[in-house]
ModelCIF file with pLDDT and N, C-alpha, C, O atoms, coordinates in Angstrom:
data_MODEL
#
_entry.id   MODEL 
#
_entity.id                         1 
_entity.type                       polymer 
_entity.pdbx_number_of_molecules   1 
#
_entity_poly.entity_id                      1 
_entity_poly.type                           'polypeptide(L)' 
_entity_poly.nstd_linkage                   no 
_entity_poly.nstd_monomer                   no 
_entity_poly.pdbx_seq_one_letter_code       IRRFRARRGQNLEELAEESGVSLDMLEQLEQNILP 
_entity_poly.pdbx_seq_one_letter_code_can   IRRFRARRGQNLEELAEESGVSLDMLEQLEQNILP 
_entity_poly.pdbx_strand_id                 A 
#
loop_
_entity_poly_seq.entity_id 
_entity_poly_seq.num 
_entity_poly_seq.mon_id 
_entity_poly_seq.hetero 
1 1  ILE n 
1 2  ARG n 
1 3  ARG n 
1 4  PHE n 
1 5  ARG n 
1 6  ALA n 
1 7  ARG n 
1 8  ARG n 
1 9  GLY n 
1 10 GLN n 
1 11 ASN n 
1 12 LEU n 
1 13 GLU n 
1 14 GLU n 
1 15 LEU n 
1 16 ALA n 
1 17 GLU n 
1 18 GLU n 
1 19 SER n 
1 20 GLY n 
1 21 VAL n 
1 22 SER n 
1 23 LEU n 
1 24 ASP n 
1 25 MET n 
1 26 LEU n 
1 27 GLU n 
1 28 GLN n 
1 29 LEU n 
1 30 GLU n 
1 31 GLN n 
1 32 ASN n 
1 33 ILE n 
1 34 LEU n 
1 35 PRO n 
#
_struct_asym.id          A 
_struct_asym.entity_id   1 
#
loop_
_ma_qa_metric.id 
_ma_qa_metric.mode 
_ma_qa_metric.name 
_ma_qa_metric.software_group_id 
_ma_qa_metric.type 
1 global pLDDT . pLDDT 
2 local  pLDDT . pLDDT 
#
_ma_qa_metric_global.metric_id      1 
_ma_qa_metric_global.metric_value   96.94 
_ma_qa_metric_global.model_id       1 
_ma_qa_metric_global.ordinal_id     1 
#
loop_
_ma_qa_metric_local.label_asym_id 
_ma_qa_metric_local.label_comp_id 
_ma_qa_metric_local.label_seq_id 
_ma_qa_metric_local.metric_id 
_ma_qa_metric_local.metric_value 
_ma_qa_metric_local.model_id 
_ma_qa_metric_local.ordinal_id 
A ILE 1  2 97.00 1 1  
A ARG 2  2 97.00 1 2  
A ARG 3  2 97.00 1 3  
A PHE 4  2 97.00 1 4  
A ARG 5  2 96.00 1 5  
A ALA 6  2 96.00 1 6  
A ARG 7  2 96.00 1 7  
A ARG 8  2 95.00 1 8  
A GLY 9  2 96.00 1 9  
A GLN 10 2 96.00 1 10 
A ASN 11 2 97.00 1 11 
A LEU 12 2 97.00 1 12 
A GLU 13 2 97.00 1 13 
A GLU 14 2 98.00 1 14 
A LEU 15 2 98.00 1 15 
A ALA 16 2 98.00 1 16 
A GLU 17 2 98.00 1 17 
A GLU 18 2 97.00 1 18 
A SER 19 2 97.00 1 19 
A GLY 20 2 98.00 1 20 
A VAL 21 2 98.00 1 21 
A SER 22 2 97.00 1 22 
A LEU 23 2 98.00 1 23 
A ASP 24 2 98.00 1 24 
A MET 25 2 98.00 1 25 
A LEU 26 2 98.00 1 26 
A GLU 27 2 97.00 1 27 
A GLN 28 2 98.00 1 28 
A LEU 29 2 97.00 1 29 
A GLU 30 2 95.00 1 30 
A GLN 31 2 96.00 1 31 
A ASN 32 2 96.00 1 32 
A ILE 33 2 97.00 1 33 
A LEU 34 2 96.00 1 34 
A PRO 35 2 96.00 1 35 
#
loop_
_atom_site.group_PDB 
_atom_site.id 
_atom_site.type_symbol 
_atom_site.label_atom_id 
_atom_site.label_alt_id 
_atom_site.label_comp_id 
_atom_site.label_asym_id 
_atom_site.label_entity_id 
_atom_site.label_seq_id 
_atom_site.pdbx_PDB_ins_code 
_atom_site.Cartn_x 
_atom_site.Cartn_y 
_atom_site.Cartn_z 
_atom_site.occupancy 
_atom_site.B_iso_or_equiv 
_atom_site.pdbx_formal_charge 
_atom_site.auth_seq_id 
_atom_site.auth_comp_id 
_atom_site.auth_asym_id 
_atom_site.auth_atom_id 
_atom_site.pdbx_PDB_model_num 
ATOM 1   N N  . ILE A 1 1  ? 7.432  2.390   0.381  1.00 97.00 ? 1  ILE A N  1 
ATOM 2   C CA . ILE A 1 1  ? 6.368  2.636   0.469  1.00 97.00 ? 1  ILE A CA 1 
ATOM 3   C C  . ILE A 1 1  ? 5.874  2.901   1.870  1.00 97.00 ? 1  ILE A C  1 
ATOM 4   O O  . ILE A 1 1  ? 5.101  3.694   2.407  1.00 97.00 ? 1  ILE A O  1 
ATOM 5   N N  . ARG A 1 2  ? 6.681  1.858   2.246  1.00 97.00 ? 2  ARG A N  1 
ATOM 6   C CA . ARG A 1 2  ? 5.790  2.539   3.903  1.00 97.00 ? 2  ARG A CA 1 
ATOM 7   C C  . ARG A 1 2  ? 6.093  3.668   4.218  1.00 97.00 ? 2  ARG A C  1 
ATOM 8   O O  . ARG A 1 2  ? 5.237  4.552   4.221  1.00 97.00 ? 2  ARG A O  1 
ATOM 9   N N  . ARG A 1 3  ? 7.358  3.907   4.554  1.00 97.00 ? 3  ARG A N  1 
ATOM 10  C CA . ARG A 1 3  ? 7.895  5.228   4.411  1.00 97.00 ? 3  ARG A CA 1 
ATOM 11  C C  . ARG A 1 3  ? 7.044  6.770   3.869  1.00 97.00 ? 3  ARG A C  1 
ATOM 12  O O  . ARG A 1 3  ? 7.127  7.889   4.375  1.00 97.00 ? 3  ARG A O  1 
ATOM 13  N N  . PHE A 1 4  ? 6.411  6.414   2.931  1.00 97.00 ? 4  PHE A N  1 
ATOM 14  C CA . PHE A 1 4  ? 6.288  7.280   2.236  1.00 97.00 ? 4  PHE A CA 1 
ATOM 15  C C  . PHE A 1 4  ? 4.183  7.239   2.289  1.00 97.00 ? 4  PHE A C  1 
ATOM 16  O O  . PHE A 1 4  ? 3.664  8.249   1.815  1.00 97.00 ? 4  PHE A O  1 
ATOM 17  N N  . ARG A 1 5  ? 3.169  6.095   2.849  1.00 96.00 ? 5  ARG A N  1 
ATOM 18  C CA . ARG A 1 5  ? 2.309  6.419   2.749  1.00 96.00 ? 5  ARG A CA 1 
ATOM 19  C C  . ARG A 1 5  ? 2.240  6.540   4.014  1.00 96.00 ? 5  ARG A C  1 
ATOM 20  O O  . ARG A 1 5  ? 1.149  6.929   4.430  1.00 96.00 ? 5  ARG A O  1 
ATOM 21  N N  . ALA A 1 6  ? 3.644  6.184   5.346  1.00 96.00 ? 6  ALA A N  1 
ATOM 22  C CA . ALA A 1 6  ? 2.876  6.360   6.700  1.00 96.00 ? 6  ALA A CA 1 
ATOM 23  C C  . ALA A 1 6  ? 3.219  8.477   6.660  1.00 96.00 ? 6  ALA A C  1 
ATOM 24  O O  . ALA A 1 6  ? 2.602  9.435   7.126  1.00 96.00 ? 6  ALA A O  1 
ATOM 25  N N  . ARG A 1 7  ? 3.986  8.387   6.172  1.00 96.00 ? 7  ARG A N  1 
ATOM 26  C CA . ARG A 1 7  ? 3.651  10.174  6.077  1.00 96.00 ? 7  ARG A CA 1 
ATOM 27  C C  . ARG A 1 7  ? 3.081  11.140  5.904  1.00 96.00 ? 7  ARG A C  1 
ATOM 28  O O  . ARG A 1 7  ? 3.087  12.240  6.457  1.00 96.00 ? 7  ARG A O  1 
ATOM 29  N N  . ARG A 1 8  ? 2.032  10.287  4.277  1.00 95.00 ? 8  ARG A N  1 
ATOM 30  C CA . ARG A 1 8  ? 0.480  10.672  3.814  1.00 95.00 ? 8  ARG A CA 1 
ATOM 31  C C  . ARG A 1 8  ? -0.292 10.185  5.141  1.00 95.00 ? 8  ARG A C  1 
ATOM 32  O O  . ARG A 1 8  ? -1.466 10.557  5.136  1.00 95.00 ? 8  ARG A O  1 
ATOM 33  N N  . GLY A 1 9  ? 0.150  9.310   6.481  1.00 96.00 ? 9  GLY A N  1 
ATOM 34  C CA . GLY A 1 9  ? -1.168 9.141   7.393  1.00 96.00 ? 9  GLY A CA 1 
ATOM 35  C C  . GLY A 1 9  ? -2.222 8.068   5.872  1.00 96.00 ? 9  GLY A C  1 
ATOM 36  O O  . GLY A 1 9  ? -3.403 8.411   5.912  1.00 96.00 ? 9  GLY A O  1 
ATOM 37  N N  . GLN A 1 10 ? -2.058 7.416   5.183  1.00 96.00 ? 10 GLN A N  1 
ATOM 38  C CA . GLN A 1 10 ? -2.623 6.712   4.243  1.00 96.00 ? 10 GLN A CA 1 
ATOM 39  C C  . GLN A 1 10 ? -2.972 5.420   5.083  1.00 96.00 ? 10 GLN A C  1 
ATOM 40  O O  . GLN A 1 10 ? -2.419 5.181   6.156  1.00 96.00 ? 10 GLN A O  1 
ATOM 41  N N  . ASN A 1 11 ? -4.017 4.531   4.463  1.00 97.00 ? 11 ASN A N  1 
ATOM 42  C CA . ASN A 1 11 ? -3.865 3.328   5.560  1.00 97.00 ? 11 ASN A CA 1 
ATOM 43  C C  . ASN A 1 11 ? -3.594 2.687   4.072  1.00 97.00 ? 11 ASN A C  1 
ATOM 44  O O  . ASN A 1 11 ? -3.505 3.517   3.168  1.00 97.00 ? 11 ASN A O  1 
ATOM 45  N N  . LEU A 1 12 ? -3.413 0.907   3.615  1.00 97.00 ? 12 LEU A N  1 
ATOM 46  C CA . LEU A 1 12 ? -3.211 0.596   3.062  1.00 97.00 ? 12 LEU A CA 1 
ATOM 47  C C  . LEU A 1 12 ? -4.802 0.762   1.775  1.00 97.00 ? 12 LEU A C  1 
ATOM 48  O O  . LEU A 1 12 ? -4.710 0.854   0.551  1.00 97.00 ? 12 LEU A O  1 
ATOM 49  N N  . GLU A 1 13 ? -6.245 0.749   2.700  1.00 97.00 ? 13 GLU A N  1 
ATOM 50  C CA . GLU A 1 13 ? -7.894 0.902   1.347  1.00 97.00 ? 13 GLU A CA 1 
ATOM 51  C C  . GLU A 1 13 ? -7.676 2.185   0.890  1.00 97.00 ? 13 GLU A C  1 
ATOM 52  O O  . GLU A 1 13 ? -8.257 2.563   -0.127 1.00 97.00 ? 13 GLU A O  1 
ATOM 53  N N  . GLU A 1 14 ? -6.817 3.012   1.580  1.00 98.00 ? 14 GLU A N  1 
ATOM 54  C CA . GLU A 1 14 ? -6.973 4.122   1.002  1.00 98.00 ? 14 GLU A CA 1 
ATOM 55  C C  . GLU A 1 14 ? -5.760 4.469   0.025  1.00 98.00 ? 14 GLU A C  1 
ATOM 56  O O  . GLU A 1 14 ? -5.856 5.503   -0.635 1.00 98.00 ? 14 GLU A O  1 
ATOM 57  N N  . LEU A 1 15 ? -4.989 3.925   -0.066 1.00 98.00 ? 15 LEU A N  1 
ATOM 58  C CA . LEU A 1 15 ? -2.985 3.700   -1.113 1.00 98.00 ? 15 LEU A CA 1 
ATOM 59  C C  . LEU A 1 15 ? -4.249 2.620   -2.017 1.00 98.00 ? 15 LEU A C  1 
ATOM 60  O O  . LEU A 1 15 ? -4.136 2.581   -3.242 1.00 98.00 ? 15 LEU A O  1 
ATOM 61  N N  . ALA A 1 16 ? -5.218 1.922   -1.451 1.00 98.00 ? 16 ALA A N  1 
ATOM 62  C CA . ALA A 1 16 ? -5.483 1.397   -2.990 1.00 98.00 ? 16 ALA A CA 1 
ATOM 63  C C  . ALA A 1 16 ? -6.456 2.266   -4.124 1.00 98.00 ? 16 ALA A C  1 
ATOM 64  O O  . ALA A 1 16 ? -6.598 2.313   -5.346 1.00 98.00 ? 16 ALA A O  1 
ATOM 65  N N  . GLU A 1 17 ? -6.831 2.694   -3.319 1.00 98.00 ? 17 GLU A N  1 
ATOM 66  C CA . GLU A 1 17 ? -7.868 3.103   -3.493 1.00 98.00 ? 17 GLU A CA 1 
ATOM 67  C C  . GLU A 1 17 ? -7.544 4.206   -5.087 1.00 98.00 ? 17 GLU A C  1 
ATOM 68  O O  . GLU A 1 17 ? -7.830 4.218   -6.284 1.00 98.00 ? 17 GLU A O  1 
ATOM 69  N N  . GLU A 1 18 ? -6.566 5.227   -3.792 1.00 97.00 ? 18 GLU A N  1 
ATOM 70  C CA . GLU A 1 18 ? -6.320 6.180   -5.120 1.00 97.00 ? 18 GLU A CA 1 
ATOM 71  C C  . GLU A 1 18 ? -5.663 5.861   -5.920 1.00 97.00 ? 18 GLU A C  1 
ATOM 72  O O  . GLU A 1 18 ? -5.886 6.470   -6.966 1.00 97.00 ? 18 GLU A O  1 
ATOM 73  N N  . SER A 1 19 ? -4.316 4.620   -6.010 1.00 97.00 ? 19 SER A N  1 
ATOM 74  C CA . SER A 1 19 ? -3.422 4.359   -6.613 1.00 97.00 ? 19 SER A CA 1 
ATOM 75  C C  . SER A 1 19 ? -4.356 3.153   -8.186 1.00 97.00 ? 19 SER A C  1 
ATOM 76  O O  . SER A 1 19 ? -4.233 2.943   -9.393 1.00 97.00 ? 19 SER A O  1 
ATOM 77  N N  . GLY A 1 20 ? -5.206 2.732   -7.020 1.00 98.00 ? 20 GLY A N  1 
ATOM 78  C CA . GLY A 1 20 ? -5.380 1.289   -8.528 1.00 98.00 ? 20 GLY A CA 1 
ATOM 79  C C  . GLY A 1 20 ? -5.168 0.306   -8.233 1.00 98.00 ? 20 GLY A C  1 
ATOM 80  O O  . GLY A 1 20 ? -5.881 -0.693  -8.139 1.00 98.00 ? 20 GLY A O  1 
ATOM 81  N N  . VAL A 1 21 ? -3.822 0.538   -7.995 1.00 98.00 ? 21 VAL A N  1 
ATOM 82  C CA . VAL A 1 21 ? -2.933 -0.404  -7.270 1.00 98.00 ? 21 VAL A CA 1 
ATOM 83  C C  . VAL A 1 21 ? -3.339 -1.480  -6.540 1.00 98.00 ? 21 VAL A C  1 
ATOM 84  O O  . VAL A 1 21 ? -2.726 -1.240  -5.500 1.00 98.00 ? 21 VAL A O  1 
ATOM 85  N N  . SER A 1 22 ? -3.910 -2.459  -6.341 1.00 97.00 ? 22 SER A N  1 
ATOM 86  C CA . SER A 1 22 ? -4.911 -3.678  -5.743 1.00 97.00 ? 22 SER A CA 1 
ATOM 87  C C  . SER A 1 22 ? -4.422 -3.916  -4.343 1.00 97.00 ? 22 SER A C  1 
ATOM 88  O O  . SER A 1 22 ? -3.260 -4.159  -4.018 1.00 97.00 ? 22 SER A O  1 
ATOM 89  N N  . LEU A 1 23 ? -5.508 -3.808  -3.529 1.00 98.00 ? 23 LEU A N  1 
ATOM 90  C CA . LEU A 1 23 ? -5.469 -4.433  -1.731 1.00 98.00 ? 23 LEU A CA 1 
ATOM 91  C C  . LEU A 1 23 ? -4.550 -5.650  -1.388 1.00 98.00 ? 23 LEU A C  1 
ATOM 92  O O  . LEU A 1 23 ? -3.928 -5.861  -0.347 1.00 98.00 ? 23 LEU A O  1 
ATOM 93  N N  . ASP A 1 24 ? -4.620 -6.376  -2.499 1.00 98.00 ? 24 ASP A N  1 
ATOM 94  C CA . ASP A 1 24 ? -4.213 -7.367  -2.385 1.00 98.00 ? 24 ASP A CA 1 
ATOM 95  C C  . ASP A 1 24 ? -2.356 -7.168  -2.791 1.00 98.00 ? 24 ASP A C  1 
ATOM 96  O O  . ASP A 1 24 ? -1.359 -7.294  -2.079 1.00 98.00 ? 24 ASP A O  1 
ATOM 97  N N  . MET A 1 25 ? -2.493 -6.884  -3.946 1.00 98.00 ? 25 MET A N  1 
ATOM 98  C CA . MET A 1 25 ? -0.758 -6.481  -3.924 1.00 98.00 ? 25 MET A CA 1 
ATOM 99  C C  . MET A 1 25 ? -0.086 -5.853  -2.876 1.00 98.00 ? 25 MET A C  1 
ATOM 100 O O  . MET A 1 25 ? 1.047  -6.074  -2.451 1.00 98.00 ? 25 MET A O  1 
ATOM 101 N N  . LEU A 1 26 ? -1.210 -4.761  -2.385 1.00 98.00 ? 26 LEU A N  1 
ATOM 102 C CA . LEU A 1 26 ? -0.205 -3.991  -1.651 1.00 98.00 ? 26 LEU A CA 1 
ATOM 103 C C  . LEU A 1 26 ? 0.207  -4.814  -0.394 1.00 98.00 ? 26 LEU A C  1 
ATOM 104 O O  . LEU A 1 26 ? 1.239  -4.650  0.256  1.00 98.00 ? 26 LEU A O  1 
ATOM 105 N N  . GLU A 1 27 ? -1.062 -5.991  -0.096 1.00 97.00 ? 27 GLU A N  1 
ATOM 106 C CA . GLU A 1 27 ? -0.700 -6.539  1.220  1.00 97.00 ? 27 GLU A CA 1 
ATOM 107 C C  . GLU A 1 27 ? 0.402  -7.239  1.371  1.00 97.00 ? 27 GLU A C  1 
ATOM 108 O O  . GLU A 1 27 ? 1.051  -7.108  2.408  1.00 97.00 ? 27 GLU A O  1 
ATOM 109 N N  . GLN A 1 28 ? 0.901  -8.298  0.146  1.00 98.00 ? 28 GLN A N  1 
ATOM 110 C CA . GLN A 1 28 ? 1.899  -8.612  -0.426 1.00 98.00 ? 28 GLN A CA 1 
ATOM 111 C C  . GLN A 1 28 ? 3.269  -7.492  -0.016 1.00 98.00 ? 28 GLN A C  1 
ATOM 112 O O  . GLN A 1 28 ? 4.372  -7.791  0.441  1.00 98.00 ? 28 GLN A O  1 
ATOM 113 N N  . LEU A 1 29 ? 2.784  -6.299  -0.329 1.00 97.00 ? 29 LEU A N  1 
ATOM 114 C CA . LEU A 1 29 ? 4.474  -5.859  -0.779 1.00 97.00 ? 29 LEU A CA 1 
ATOM 115 C C  . LEU A 1 29 ? 4.833  -5.729  0.753  1.00 97.00 ? 29 LEU A C  1 
ATOM 116 O O  . LEU A 1 29 ? 5.916  -6.166  1.142  1.00 97.00 ? 29 LEU A O  1 
ATOM 117 N N  . GLU A 1 30 ? 3.695  -4.968  1.883  1.00 95.00 ? 30 GLU A N  1 
ATOM 118 C CA . GLU A 1 30 ? 3.678  -4.634  3.258  1.00 95.00 ? 30 GLU A CA 1 
ATOM 119 C C  . GLU A 1 30 ? 3.999  -5.878  3.975  1.00 95.00 ? 30 GLU A C  1 
ATOM 120 O O  . GLU A 1 30 ? 4.076  -5.731  5.195  1.00 95.00 ? 30 GLU A O  1 
ATOM 121 N N  . GLN A 1 31 ? 4.166  -6.842  3.611  1.00 96.00 ? 31 GLN A N  1 
ATOM 122 C CA . GLN A 1 31 ? 4.993  -8.381  4.116  1.00 96.00 ? 31 GLN A CA 1 
ATOM 123 C C  . GLN A 1 31 ? 6.613  -8.822  3.358  1.00 96.00 ? 31 GLN A C  1 
ATOM 124 O O  . GLN A 1 31 ? 7.406  -9.741  3.567  1.00 96.00 ? 31 GLN A O  1 
ATOM 125 N N  . ASN A 1 32 ? 6.599  -7.894  2.601  1.00 96.00 ? 32 ASN A N  1 
ATOM 126 C CA . ASN A 1 32 ? 8.295  -7.584  1.773  1.00 96.00 ? 32 ASN A CA 1 
ATOM 127 C C  . ASN A 1 32 ? 8.397  -9.134  0.447  1.00 96.00 ? 32 ASN A C  1 
ATOM 128 O O  . ASN A 1 32 ? 9.349  -9.825  0.087  1.00 96.00 ? 32 ASN A O  1 
ATOM 129 N N  . ILE A 1 33 ? 7.043  -9.136  0.098  1.00 97.00 ? 33 ILE A N  1 
ATOM 130 C CA . ILE A 1 33 ? 7.162  -9.935  -1.023 1.00 97.00 ? 33 ILE A CA 1 
ATOM 131 C C  . ILE A 1 33 ? 6.283  -9.077  -2.007 1.00 97.00 ? 33 ILE A C  1 
ATOM 132 O O  . ILE A 1 33 ? 5.418  -8.237  -1.758 1.00 97.00 ? 33 ILE A O  1 
ATOM 133 N N  . LEU A 1 34 ? 6.945  -9.715  -3.620 1.00 96.00 ? 34 LEU A N  1 
ATOM 134 C CA . LEU A 1 34 ? 7.017  -8.605  -4.518 1.00 96.00 ? 34 LEU A CA 1 
ATOM 135 C C  . LEU A 1 34 ? 5.833  -9.662  -5.509 1.00 96.00 ? 34 LEU A C  1 
ATOM 136 O O  . LEU A 1 34 ? 5.580  -10.813 -5.863 1.00 96.00 ? 34 LEU A O  1 
ATOM 137 N N  . PRO A 1 35 ? 5.574  -8.794  -5.558 1.00 96.00 ? 35 PRO A N  1 
ATOM 138 C CA . PRO A 1 35 ? 3.207  -9.633  -6.025 1.00 96.00 ? 35 PRO A CA 1 
ATOM 139 C C  . PRO A 1 35 ? 4.000  -10.104 -7.607 1.00 96.00 ? 35 PRO A C  1 
ATOM 140 O O  . PRO A 1 35 ? 3.342  -10.661 -8.486 1.00 96.00 ? 35 PRO A O  1 
#
């Protein structure tokens, strides 16, 4: 997830908006936590 996001130059807020996945969930994934 981090690799593909970095490739696209997206920050977490942009990915949350585009995917509909909550920012809170994405922040957990970034911390290697499976919500």
